[in-house]
Every structure is written in C-alpha cells, then in structure tokens.
Protein backbone atom coordinates (compact mmCIF):
# COMPACT_ATOMS: atom_id res chain seq x y z
CA UNK A 1 147.14 203.44 86.41
CA UNK A 2 147.68 199.64 85.46
CA UNK A 3 145.25 198.47 83.16
CA UNK A 4 143.65 195.26 85.14
CA UNK A 5 142.76 193.61 81.71
CA UNK A 6 145.12 192.38 78.82
CA UNK A 7 144.86 192.63 75.02
CA UNK A 8 142.97 189.09 75.19
CA UNK A 9 140.92 190.30 77.92
CA UNK A 10 142.36 188.16 80.70
CA UNK A 11 141.88 190.01 83.93
CA UNK A 12 145.49 190.71 86.03
CA UNK A 13 146.06 190.43 89.27
CA UNK A 14 145.15 193.74 90.70
CA UNK A 15 147.72 196.04 92.27
CA UNK A 16 146.57 198.04 95.41
CA UNK A 17 145.98 201.32 94.70
CA UNK A 18 144.78 204.27 97.24
CA UNK A 19 141.01 204.95 96.90
CA UNK A 20 139.82 208.53 96.21
CA UNK A 21 139.62 210.30 99.30
CA UNK A 22 141.84 207.86 100.98
CA UNK A 23 145.04 209.12 103.39
CA UNK A 24 148.14 207.20 103.60
CA UNK A 25 149.69 207.39 107.03
CA UNK A 26 153.33 206.58 107.64
CA UNK A 27 153.58 205.67 111.35
CA UNK A 28 157.36 206.38 112.23
CA UNK A 29 158.31 205.07 115.60
CA UNK A 30 160.92 207.59 116.93
CA UNK A 31 164.42 207.08 117.71
CA UNK A 32 165.87 205.14 120.67
CA UNK A 33 165.76 206.99 123.57
CA UNK A 34 168.35 207.94 126.32
CA UNK A 35 168.71 205.12 128.92
CA UNK A 36 166.59 205.40 132.06
CA UNK A 37 168.51 205.24 135.45
CA UNK A 38 166.76 204.86 138.62
CA UNK A 39 168.23 207.51 140.51
CA UNK A 40 167.05 210.09 137.76
CA UNK A 41 163.81 209.37 136.09
CA UNK A 42 162.82 211.18 133.38
CA UNK A 43 161.38 214.34 132.83
CA UNK A 44 157.38 214.30 132.89
CA UNK A 45 155.34 216.30 130.36
CA UNK A 46 151.33 215.75 131.35
CA UNK A 47 152.54 212.89 133.30
CA UNK A 48 154.40 211.22 130.42
CA UNK A 49 158.00 210.13 130.97
CA UNK A 50 159.70 212.55 128.42
CA UNK A 51 163.31 211.39 127.52
CA UNK A 52 165.58 213.05 124.72
CA UNK A 53 166.64 210.89 121.99
CA UNK A 54 170.00 209.01 122.87
CA UNK A 55 172.76 209.74 120.11
CA UNK A 56 171.48 206.29 118.60
CA UNK A 57 168.19 207.75 117.82
CA UNK A 58 169.60 210.64 116.37
CA UNK A 59 171.30 208.78 113.77
CA UNK A 60 168.05 206.73 113.10
CA UNK A 61 166.15 209.98 112.70
CA UNK A 62 168.99 210.88 110.03
CA UNK A 63 168.14 207.71 108.59
CA UNK A 64 164.63 208.45 108.66
CA UNK A 65 164.78 211.64 106.70
CA UNK A 66 166.82 210.04 103.68
CA UNK A 67 164.37 207.59 103.26
CA UNK A 68 161.25 209.42 103.70
CA UNK A 69 162.56 212.54 101.63
CA UNK A 70 162.43 211.14 98.17
CA UNK A 71 159.30 210.65 96.30
CA UNK A 72 157.57 207.34 97.20
CA UNK A 73 155.20 205.95 94.49
CA UNK A 74 155.21 209.06 92.79
CA UNK A 75 154.04 211.41 95.59
CA UNK A 76 156.05 212.90 98.65
CA UNK A 77 155.18 213.43 102.19
CA UNK A 78 152.64 216.47 102.44
CA UNK A 79 152.37 216.86 106.10
CA UNK A 80 154.41 215.84 109.21
CA UNK A 81 152.91 215.01 112.47
CA UNK A 82 154.45 214.72 116.07
CA UNK A 83 153.08 214.05 119.45
CA UNK A 84 153.59 216.32 122.82
CA UNK A 85 156.55 214.60 123.78
CA UNK A 86 160.04 215.49 122.55
CA UNK A 87 161.35 212.03 121.12
CA UNK A 88 159.03 212.52 118.44
CA UNK A 89 159.87 216.00 117.48
CA UNK A 90 163.73 215.57 117.91
CA UNK A 91 162.99 211.97 115.24
CA UNK A 92 160.80 214.18 112.63
CA UNK A 93 163.35 217.45 112.70
CA UNK A 94 165.90 216.09 110.01
CA UNK A 95 162.96 215.33 107.93
CA UNK A 96 161.23 218.58 108.61
CA UNK A 97 164.05 220.33 107.97
CA UNK A 98 164.82 218.54 104.53
CA UNK A 99 161.17 219.15 103.41
CA UNK A 100 160.30 222.44 104.78
CA UNK A 101 157.46 221.27 106.60
CA UNK A 102 156.37 222.37 109.97
CA UNK A 103 155.38 219.52 111.89
CA UNK A 104 151.95 219.98 113.48
CA UNK A 105 151.37 218.15 117.06
CA UNK A 106 148.84 215.62 117.68
CA UNK A 107 148.37 215.42 121.16
CA UNK A 108 146.09 212.35 120.88
CA UNK A 109 148.79 209.83 119.66
CA UNK A 110 151.23 210.72 122.44
CA UNK A 111 152.29 207.22 124.02
CA UNK A 112 149.88 205.27 126.61
CA UNK A 113 150.41 206.51 129.89
CA UNK A 114 151.94 204.03 132.33
CA UNK A 115 150.66 205.00 135.61
CA UNK A 116 152.90 204.38 138.48
CA UNK A 117 155.53 203.10 136.03
CA UNK A 118 156.24 206.57 134.23
CA UNK A 119 159.38 208.23 134.06
CA UNK A 120 161.57 204.80 132.93
CA UNK A 121 160.42 202.75 135.48
CA UNK A 122 158.40 200.57 133.27
CA UNK A 123 161.85 199.19 131.25
CA UNK A 124 162.86 198.20 134.67
CA UNK A 125 159.25 196.47 135.99
CA UNK A 126 159.25 194.48 132.41
CA UNK A 127 162.71 193.35 133.04
CA UNK A 128 162.20 192.30 136.43
CA UNK A 129 159.06 190.42 134.91
CA UNK A 130 157.18 190.61 138.43
CA UNK A 131 153.74 189.73 138.79
CA UNK A 132 151.86 193.10 137.20
CA UNK A 133 154.44 192.46 134.41
CA UNK A 134 153.43 188.89 134.05
CA UNK A 135 149.59 190.02 133.82
CA UNK A 136 150.24 192.89 131.24
CA UNK A 137 151.78 190.54 128.79
CA UNK A 138 149.06 187.75 129.60
CA UNK A 139 146.13 189.85 129.25
CA UNK A 140 147.48 192.33 126.74
CA UNK A 141 146.26 195.48 128.66
CA UNK A 142 148.61 198.44 129.59
CA UNK A 143 145.91 199.21 132.65
CA UNK A 144 146.65 196.49 134.72
CA UNK A 145 149.68 198.90 135.47
CA UNK A 146 148.61 200.64 138.91
CA UNK A 147 147.41 204.11 137.59
CA UNK A 148 147.58 203.57 133.79
CA UNK A 149 145.33 204.83 131.29
CA UNK A 150 142.04 202.58 130.75
CA UNK A 151 142.41 200.74 127.63
CA UNK A 152 139.22 202.36 126.13
CA UNK A 153 140.27 205.82 126.72
CA UNK A 154 143.64 204.83 124.82
CA UNK A 155 141.83 203.48 121.94
CA UNK A 156 139.30 206.38 121.68
CA UNK A 157 142.00 209.08 121.43
CA UNK A 158 144.19 206.92 119.13
CA UNK A 159 141.08 206.85 116.78
CA UNK A 160 140.28 210.59 117.12
CA UNK A 161 143.62 211.97 116.39
CA UNK A 162 143.86 209.52 113.22
CA UNK A 163 140.70 210.68 112.20
CA UNK A 164 141.79 214.51 112.65
CA UNK A 165 144.54 213.65 110.32
CA UNK A 166 142.95 211.92 107.86
CA UNK A 167 140.03 214.37 107.32
CA UNK A 168 142.88 217.06 107.08
CA UNK A 169 144.76 215.26 104.23
CA UNK A 170 142.63 213.29 101.56
CA UNK A 171 144.78 212.12 98.75
CA UNK A 172 147.66 212.94 100.31
CA UNK A 173 150.83 210.96 101.98
CA UNK A 174 151.45 212.26 105.85
CA UNK A 175 154.25 211.09 108.27
CA UNK A 176 153.34 210.50 111.80
CA UNK A 177 156.22 210.33 113.95
CA UNK A 178 154.72 208.62 117.29
CA UNK A 179 155.43 205.86 119.57
CA UNK A 180 155.37 202.02 119.87
CA UNK A 181 152.18 201.47 121.99
CA UNK A 182 150.32 203.75 119.70
CA UNK A 183 151.79 202.07 116.55
CA UNK A 184 151.28 198.53 118.11
CA UNK A 185 147.12 199.33 118.84
CA UNK A 186 146.81 201.02 115.59
CA UNK A 187 147.97 197.78 113.77
CA UNK A 188 145.97 195.57 116.14
CA UNK A 189 142.77 197.85 115.89
CA UNK A 190 143.06 197.16 112.03
CA UNK A 191 143.64 193.54 111.84
CA UNK A 192 141.36 192.46 114.35
CA UNK A 193 144.47 191.09 116.49
CA UNK A 194 144.87 190.96 120.30
CA UNK A 195 146.08 194.62 121.88
CA UNK A 196 150.13 193.53 122.28
CA UNK A 197 150.22 191.33 118.76
CA UNK A 198 152.05 194.22 117.55
CA UNK A 199 154.11 195.25 120.23
CA UNK A 200 157.62 195.14 118.87
CA UNK A 201 157.66 197.95 116.41
CA UNK A 202 161.83 199.07 116.37
CA UNK A 203 162.99 202.54 117.35
CA UNK A 204 162.77 204.40 113.99
CA UNK A 205 161.04 201.85 112.10
CA UNK A 206 157.88 202.65 109.23
CA UNK A 207 154.69 200.97 109.49
CA UNK A 208 151.90 202.29 107.26
CA UNK A 209 147.93 201.89 107.04
CA UNK A 210 145.51 203.54 104.90
CA UNK A 211 142.32 205.35 106.16
CA UNK A 212 139.85 205.34 103.62
CA UNK A 213 136.75 207.74 103.35
CA UNK A 214 134.29 205.47 105.46
CA UNK A 215 137.02 205.44 108.28
CA UNK A 216 137.97 201.50 107.90
CA UNK A 217 142.10 201.34 108.19
CA UNK A 218 144.00 199.04 105.60
CA UNK A 219 147.32 197.97 106.70
CA UNK A 220 150.18 198.30 104.17
CA UNK A 221 153.38 197.42 106.25
CA UNK A 222 154.33 197.12 109.83
CA UNK A 223 157.88 197.46 111.25
CA UNK A 224 159.98 198.30 108.12
CA UNK A 225 163.68 199.01 109.15
CA UNK A 226 165.44 198.46 105.51
CA UNK A 227 167.10 201.79 106.38
CA UNK A 228 168.68 200.81 109.43
CA UNK A 229 169.87 197.40 108.84
CA UNK A 230 173.68 198.29 109.33
CA UNK A 231 172.93 200.15 112.57
C-alpha cells in the first residue's frame, strides 16, 4: 500500500484502492454476433434472440482471454459469470479454458427484452429510423418498443444480479460476460446519467465497477478496447 504521506508530512494524491469487502466486477460485452437476416430470425431463448458469435466475435473472445488471463493489479479473475444467452458463454469460453474456471450463469444480467423487435428485428428497425426508433432515442426507454420489458423491471433485475455476485465475491475480481444494454444501464445507474448515455459499449469491450459493501457502485472504466485496436 502506498503511504499517503511523504517523509516531510506532505499528503500525496491518493490512488483508488478497493475498500475491504468490496467486489471488482469487469463487465465484458460479448463478441460480435452473426448478422441478422429478415428471412431467418434468430432462435429464441425465453423470448430473447439468441444468435451465436460471428467469426469476428470469436477472435474478440480470444483477445479478451489473452488480456484477462494475466494478473491485474496483483490479482487474477476469481470467477466468471455469463447469462443464459449463448453469445456470452461463447465469448467467455476461451478465458474459462485458460483459467480453468467453470462459468456460472446469472440470468438476471441477460439483455433487455425487446418485445416485438426481438429475433434480430431491432437492428433493422433502428437503421430505418421510424417513429418508435426516434422515440426510443429521445426518451431513453427501451419499453417504448411494443411488448418490450418495462424499464423499472429491467433495472430491478440488473441490481439483483449484481448484488448476488458482489455478495458471493467480497475482496475479489470477477469477470461478468453480459450485453450492451445491461452495461449501459449499469453505467447510467452508477453515475446518475440518462438511461442511454452509455449505449455505445463496443463488442468485446471491458468496463469496470466496484460494488462497495453498502451497495454503492463506483465506475472505474468504460468501453476499454485496447486489446482490439488492430481488428
């Protein structure tokens, strides 16, 4: 630990240190998934589109493993979590293999449910820029999409999922492979920002929060893609 005082009594600028009992959570957005095709909707799991990784996404997964398998600030990843959607499990697989860790499933960190825009239709609707898409961006609410998950329910399950992970891993570093909508909402909730202010997390990117013992979230980084720069 770095002493905050020099020999003459001057106080140095303090570096962040994870408090005792807190949990560092690396939020990994899954790698790029296969393209959506109008004539072949993605298979559904619990109503959610469940595409597999694209070949580029598999390369991103290997890059993630290469980066996170190394010691980080003196510690290694202690646990790996995925959701019930296969693109997160496929992205986590290389890291899990290198570290010899069996991923655990935290279903509450699955992507926001997009109602009538599930199965890949969301991508096309956003590109078309119709009235619902414009309203989604203006209001910052996924639930303007017909049949989509209510905003309050989405936040509630995210908090529940992160709470369980933090409670299970005090004083540890955990990797959570999840989705862009989830990462964006975690960042917004942690910072008090608007719901879609952090909607731009790249595939394969790393973000980090620290969950303090009292439940508060501290953001350490967002959308780190240093391991993907030449892709």
